[in-house]
Amino acid sequence: MPGRVPRASEKSAGLKPDGATPQGEVASVSNAGDVAAFLRNAAVLKPAADSQLPIGRLIFGLDATMSRQPTWDEACQIQAEMFREADKISGLQIKLVYFRGFGECKASRWFANGKELASAMSRIACQGGRTQIRKVLAAALNDARDKKVSAVVYVGDCMEENVDDLCARAGELGLLGVPVFLFQEGDDPVAAQAFREIARLTRGAYCRFDTGSARQLADLLKAVAVFASGGRAALMALEKTGGAGARLLIEQMK
């Protein structure tokens, strides 16, 4: 919103004012054994040989509107776990882009430290408002035009925008080689149709989750982090070690 002064908490979290841009069915909760196994597998993964950049860049888009409030705390825990595990993967930077309220959309700086990113996300509280997925895709486009973006993750439960407008931006991301991985909370059919089409246009993937599917969502998010860091070769390596999330993404990305 024009003229808005960022709060101190936003400054400390590395968040930019509204509209700012850079330069411009699944199962139960992950246990300690699952996380330990993932860490062992991730530790031996190397960036793909054909990667042109030593650092993978992942944009994490988040719907923080009021409809997500009932499961917000659980979702934050899962996402924070992804950030912590991403910390163990060499060469990965993550940017957080979230929306909520009346036209409010913010983008963080690039984080190389998963703990700092999880801390920034923990400061976000849900507020009533309509979806602003277009702004998330636009922010990804701005970054991708400046420097390679490995992937975009989006987590949300509904879609209240012009789907053709979203698909136009998704098509541009697809041309730039940026896959979008969309994770839908709940089963809203309008959102499902739009998310599937965005995934198709970008050669990404779409998956649905609910309150009983925390483990699969965690596995999927970790698999995306591996892909962003090491490309398809690293994702296939994770799948060979038994990574269920990697297997689901590979099946869709075909």
Protein backbone atom coordinates (compact mmCIF):
# COMPACT_ATOMS: atom_id res chain seq x y z
CA MET A 1 0.00 0.00 0.00
CA PRO A 2 1.46 3.38 -1.02
CA GLY A 3 3.32 5.25 1.69
CA ARG A 4 3.20 2.35 4.15
CA VAL A 5 6.13 2.26 6.57
CA PRO A 6 7.42 -1.27 7.26
CA ARG A 7 7.08 -2.41 10.83
CA ALA A 8 10.24 -3.13 12.80
CA SER A 9 9.42 -6.85 12.86
CA GLU A 10 9.23 -6.87 9.06
CA LYS A 11 12.62 -5.17 8.80
CA SER A 12 14.18 -7.72 11.07
CA ALA A 13 12.63 -10.51 9.04
CA GLY A 14 14.03 -9.08 5.82
CA LEU A 15 10.58 -8.39 4.36
CA LYS A 16 9.92 -5.69 1.79
CA PRO A 17 6.92 -3.33 1.69
CA ASP A 18 3.75 -4.27 -0.18
CA GLY A 19 4.27 -4.97 -3.86
CA ALA A 20 8.06 -4.83 -3.51
CA THR A 21 10.07 -6.94 -5.90
CA PRO A 22 13.76 -7.76 -6.04
CA GLN A 23 15.44 -5.16 -7.98
CA GLY A 24 12.46 -3.95 -9.18
CA GLU A 25 -3.99 -38.10 -0.35
CA VAL A 26 -1.61 -38.41 1.94
CA ALA A 27 -0.62 -39.86 5.55
CA SER A 28 0.66 -38.90 9.07
CA VAL A 29 3.36 -36.81 10.76
CA SER A 30 7.10 -37.28 10.09
CA ASN A 31 8.96 -38.93 12.94
CA ALA A 32 12.57 -38.51 14.00
CA GLY A 33 13.65 -41.55 11.96
CA ASP A 34 12.19 -40.08 8.78
CA VAL A 35 14.02 -36.79 9.28
CA ALA A 36 17.29 -38.54 10.14
CA ALA A 37 17.03 -40.69 7.01
CA PHE A 38 16.42 -37.63 4.87
CA LEU A 39 19.45 -35.87 6.33
CA ARG A 40 21.65 -38.89 5.54
CA ASN A 41 20.39 -38.98 1.97
CA ALA A 42 20.63 -35.24 1.40
CA ALA A 43 24.17 -35.11 2.73
CA VAL A 44 25.48 -37.17 -0.20
CA LEU A 45 23.54 -35.40 -2.95
CA LYS A 46 25.55 -33.21 -5.30
CA PRO A 47 24.38 -30.51 -7.72
CA ALA A 48 23.55 -31.83 -11.19
CA ALA A 49 26.53 -31.87 -13.51
CA ASP A 50 24.69 -29.83 -16.12
CA SER A 51 23.73 -27.10 -13.64
CA GLN A 52 24.92 -23.72 -14.86
CA LEU A 53 24.78 -22.11 -11.43
CA PRO A 54 26.39 -23.27 -8.18
CA ILE A 55 23.47 -21.96 -6.14
CA GLY A 56 19.87 -23.10 -6.48
CA ARG A 57 17.19 -20.45 -5.90
CA LEU A 58 13.74 -21.46 -4.68
CA ILE A 59 10.77 -19.11 -4.28
CA PHE A 60 8.28 -20.18 -1.60
CA GLY A 61 4.81 -18.67 -2.16
CA LEU A 62 2.31 -18.74 0.68
CA ASP A 63 -1.40 -17.99 1.05
CA ALA A 64 -1.80 -16.36 4.47
CA THR A 65 -5.49 -15.44 4.19
CA MET A 66 -7.98 -16.20 6.95
CA SER A 67 -9.35 -19.40 5.38
CA ARG A 68 -6.07 -21.10 6.28
CA GLN A 69 -6.16 -20.09 9.95
CA PRO A 70 -7.56 -23.43 11.30
CA THR A 71 -4.50 -25.37 10.12
CA TRP A 72 -1.98 -22.55 10.03
CA ASP A 73 0.16 -23.65 12.97
CA GLU A 74 0.52 -27.20 11.66
CA ALA A 75 1.36 -25.96 8.16
CA CYS A 76 3.98 -23.60 9.58
CA GLN A 77 5.63 -26.47 11.44
CA ILE A 78 5.81 -28.55 8.27
CA GLN A 79 7.20 -25.67 6.24
CA ALA A 80 9.71 -24.76 8.94
CA GLU A 81 10.89 -28.38 8.88
CA MET A 82 11.47 -28.05 5.14
CA PHE A 83 13.55 -24.94 5.72
CA ARG A 84 15.63 -26.68 8.38
CA GLU A 85 16.28 -29.66 6.13
CA ALA A 86 17.04 -27.37 3.19
CA ASP A 87 19.79 -25.94 5.38
CA LYS A 88 21.54 -29.30 5.07
CA ILE A 89 21.50 -29.18 1.26
CA SER A 90 24.50 -27.38 -0.16
CA GLY A 91 23.86 -24.42 -2.43
CA LEU A 92 20.22 -23.50 -1.90
CA GLN A 93 18.72 -20.05 -1.32
CA ILE A 94 15.02 -19.49 -0.56
CA LYS A 95 12.85 -16.39 -0.84
CA LEU A 96 9.48 -16.13 0.91
CA VAL A 97 6.57 -14.39 -0.88
CA TYR A 98 3.24 -14.27 0.95
CA PHE A 99 -0.08 -12.47 0.69
CA ARG A 100 -2.94 -11.69 3.05
CA GLY A 101 -5.40 -8.92 3.95
CA PHE A 102 -6.46 -6.21 1.51
CA GLY A 103 -3.91 -6.23 -1.30
CA GLU A 104 -0.97 -6.99 1.00
CA CYS A 105 1.83 -8.99 -0.61
CA LYS A 106 5.42 -9.06 0.64
CA ALA A 107 8.67 -10.62 -0.51
CA SER A 108 11.63 -11.38 1.74
CA ARG A 109 15.30 -11.19 0.85
CA TRP A 110 17.04 -14.37 -0.29
CA PHE A 111 17.84 -16.60 2.70
CA ALA A 112 20.69 -19.10 2.75
CA ASN A 113 19.99 -19.93 6.40
CA GLY A 114 16.87 -22.06 6.91
CA LYS A 115 16.57 -21.09 10.57
CA GLU A 116 16.34 -17.39 9.68
CA LEU A 117 13.73 -18.11 7.03
CA ALA A 118 11.62 -20.17 9.43
CA SER A 119 11.87 -17.35 11.95
CA ALA A 120 10.66 -14.82 9.37
CA MET A 121 7.72 -17.07 8.49
CA SER A 122 6.78 -17.50 12.15
CA ARG A 123 6.06 -13.77 12.34
CA ILE A 124 3.27 -14.01 9.76
CA ALA A 125 -0.33 -14.06 11.01
CA CYS A 126 -3.34 -14.83 8.82
CA GLN A 127 -5.59 -11.95 7.78
CA GLY A 128 -8.83 -11.95 5.81
CA GLY A 129 -8.58 -11.20 2.11
CA ARG A 130 -8.73 -12.60 -1.41
CA THR A 131 -6.02 -14.64 -3.09
CA GLN A 132 -3.16 -12.85 -4.86
CA ILE A 133 -1.49 -15.73 -6.67
CA ARG A 134 -0.88 -13.47 -9.67
CA LYS A 135 1.49 -11.36 -7.55
CA VAL A 136 3.43 -14.46 -6.45
CA LEU A 137 3.89 -15.55 -10.07
CA ALA A 138 4.80 -12.00 -11.11
CA ALA A 139 7.46 -11.81 -8.38
CA ALA A 140 8.88 -15.13 -9.59
CA LEU A 141 8.98 -13.81 -13.16
CA ASN A 142 10.85 -10.68 -12.09
CA ASP A 143 13.46 -12.75 -10.29
CA ALA A 144 13.76 -15.32 -13.07
CA ARG A 145 14.38 -12.62 -15.67
CA ASP A 146 17.19 -11.24 -13.52
CA LYS A 147 18.84 -14.53 -12.57
CA LYS A 148 17.97 -18.21 -12.83
CA VAL A 149 15.25 -19.43 -10.45
CA SER A 150 15.30 -23.20 -9.96
CA ALA A 151 11.68 -23.65 -8.86
CA VAL A 152 8.63 -22.06 -7.27
CA VAL A 153 6.61 -23.68 -4.46
CA TYR A 154 3.09 -22.47 -3.73
CA VAL A 155 0.94 -23.57 -0.77
CA GLY A 156 -2.71 -22.48 -0.63
CA ASP A 157 -6.30 -23.63 -0.39
CA CYS A 158 -8.33 -21.62 -2.92
CA MET A 159 -8.18 -19.46 -6.05
CA GLU A 160 -10.27 -16.28 -6.46
CA GLU A 161 -8.65 -14.74 -9.53
CA ASN A 162 -8.86 -14.85 -13.32
CA VAL A 163 -7.44 -18.25 -14.20
CA ASP A 164 -6.40 -17.18 -17.71
CA ASP A 165 -4.37 -14.34 -16.21
CA LEU A 166 -2.60 -16.78 -13.92
CA CYS A 167 -1.98 -19.20 -16.76
CA ALA A 168 -0.44 -16.46 -18.89
CA ARG A 169 2.16 -15.83 -16.20
CA ALA A 170 2.64 -19.54 -15.68
CA GLY A 171 3.33 -19.92 -19.38
CA GLU A 172 6.03 -17.26 -19.17
CA LEU A 173 7.62 -19.10 -16.24
CA GLY A 174 7.50 -22.29 -18.29
CA LEU A 175 9.35 -20.60 -21.15
CA LEU A 176 12.02 -19.52 -18.66
CA GLY A 177 12.36 -23.11 -17.41
CA VAL A 178 10.93 -22.44 -13.95
CA PRO A 179 8.69 -25.29 -12.72
CA VAL A 180 5.94 -24.46 -10.23
CA PHE A 181 5.04 -27.01 -7.54
CA LEU A 182 1.59 -26.36 -6.10
CA PHE A 183 0.34 -27.92 -2.86
CA GLN A 184 -3.36 -27.49 -2.18
CA GLU A 185 -4.82 -27.68 1.31
CA GLY A 186 -8.34 -29.10 1.14
CA ASP A 187 -10.31 -30.01 -1.98
CA ASP A 188 -11.71 -26.82 -3.53
CA PRO A 189 -12.39 -27.87 -7.18
CA VAL A 190 -11.79 -24.41 -8.68
CA ALA A 191 -8.36 -24.19 -7.06
CA ALA A 192 -7.53 -27.76 -8.06
CA GLN A 193 -8.27 -27.08 -11.72
CA ALA A 194 -6.21 -23.88 -11.75
CA PHE A 195 -3.29 -25.40 -9.84
CA ARG A 196 -3.13 -28.41 -12.16
CA GLU A 197 -3.02 -26.15 -15.20
CA ILE A 198 -0.26 -23.97 -13.73
CA ALA A 199 1.75 -27.11 -12.97
CA ARG A 200 1.22 -28.40 -16.52
CA LEU A 201 2.26 -25.13 -18.16
CA THR A 202 5.48 -24.94 -16.11
CA ARG A 203 6.30 -28.67 -16.17
CA GLY A 204 5.95 -28.71 -12.41
CA ALA A 205 3.62 -30.77 -10.21
CA TYR A 206 0.37 -30.50 -8.24
CA CYS A 207 -0.51 -32.35 -5.03
CA ARG A 208 -3.36 -32.08 -2.54
CA PHE A 209 -3.00 -32.39 1.23
CA ASP A 210 -5.19 -32.09 4.31
CA THR A 211 -4.82 -32.19 8.09
CA GLY A 212 -4.10 -35.92 7.97
CA SER A 213 -1.36 -35.71 5.36
CA ALA A 214 1.42 -33.86 7.12
CA ARG A 215 4.04 -36.49 6.40
CA GLN A 216 3.51 -36.52 2.64
CA LEU A 217 3.54 -32.74 2.43
CA ALA A 218 6.82 -32.69 4.37
CA ASP A 219 8.29 -35.32 2.02
CA LEU A 220 7.14 -33.39 -1.05
CA LEU A 221 8.55 -30.09 0.17
CA LYS A 222 11.89 -31.71 0.95
CA ALA A 223 11.95 -33.27 -2.53
CA VAL A 224 11.39 -29.85 -4.09
CA ALA A 225 14.28 -28.45 -2.04
CA VAL A 226 16.52 -31.23 -3.36
CA PHE A 227 15.38 -30.52 -6.93
CA ALA A 228 16.03 -26.78 -6.57
CA SER A 229 19.53 -27.45 -5.30
CA GLY A 230 20.63 -30.27 -7.59
CA GLY A 231 18.14 -30.52 -10.44
CA ARG A 232 16.44 -33.62 -11.82
CA ALA A 233 19.54 -35.77 -11.28
CA ALA A 234 19.48 -35.07 -7.52
CA LEU A 235 15.72 -35.68 -7.40
CA MET A 236 16.16 -39.06 -9.10
CA ALA A 237 18.96 -39.92 -6.68
CA LEU A 238 16.63 -39.17 -3.76
CA GLU A 239 13.90 -41.33 -5.34
CA LYS A 240 16.32 -44.28 -5.56
CA THR A 241 16.94 -44.06 -1.82
CA GLY A 242 13.21 -44.49 -1.18
CA GLY A 243 12.06 -40.87 -1.19
CA ALA A 244 8.28 -41.06 -1.60
CA GLY A 245 7.96 -37.34 -2.26
CA ALA A 246 10.60 -37.52 -4.99
CA ARG A 247 8.75 -40.39 -6.65
CA LEU A 248 5.47 -38.46 -6.77
CA LEU A 249 7.13 -35.39 -8.27
CA ILE A 250 9.02 -37.38 -10.90
CA GLU A 251 5.83 -39.13 -11.98
CA GLN A 252 4.12 -35.78 -12.61
CA MET A 253 7.11 -34.04 -14.14
CA LYS A 254 7.24 -36.64 -16.93
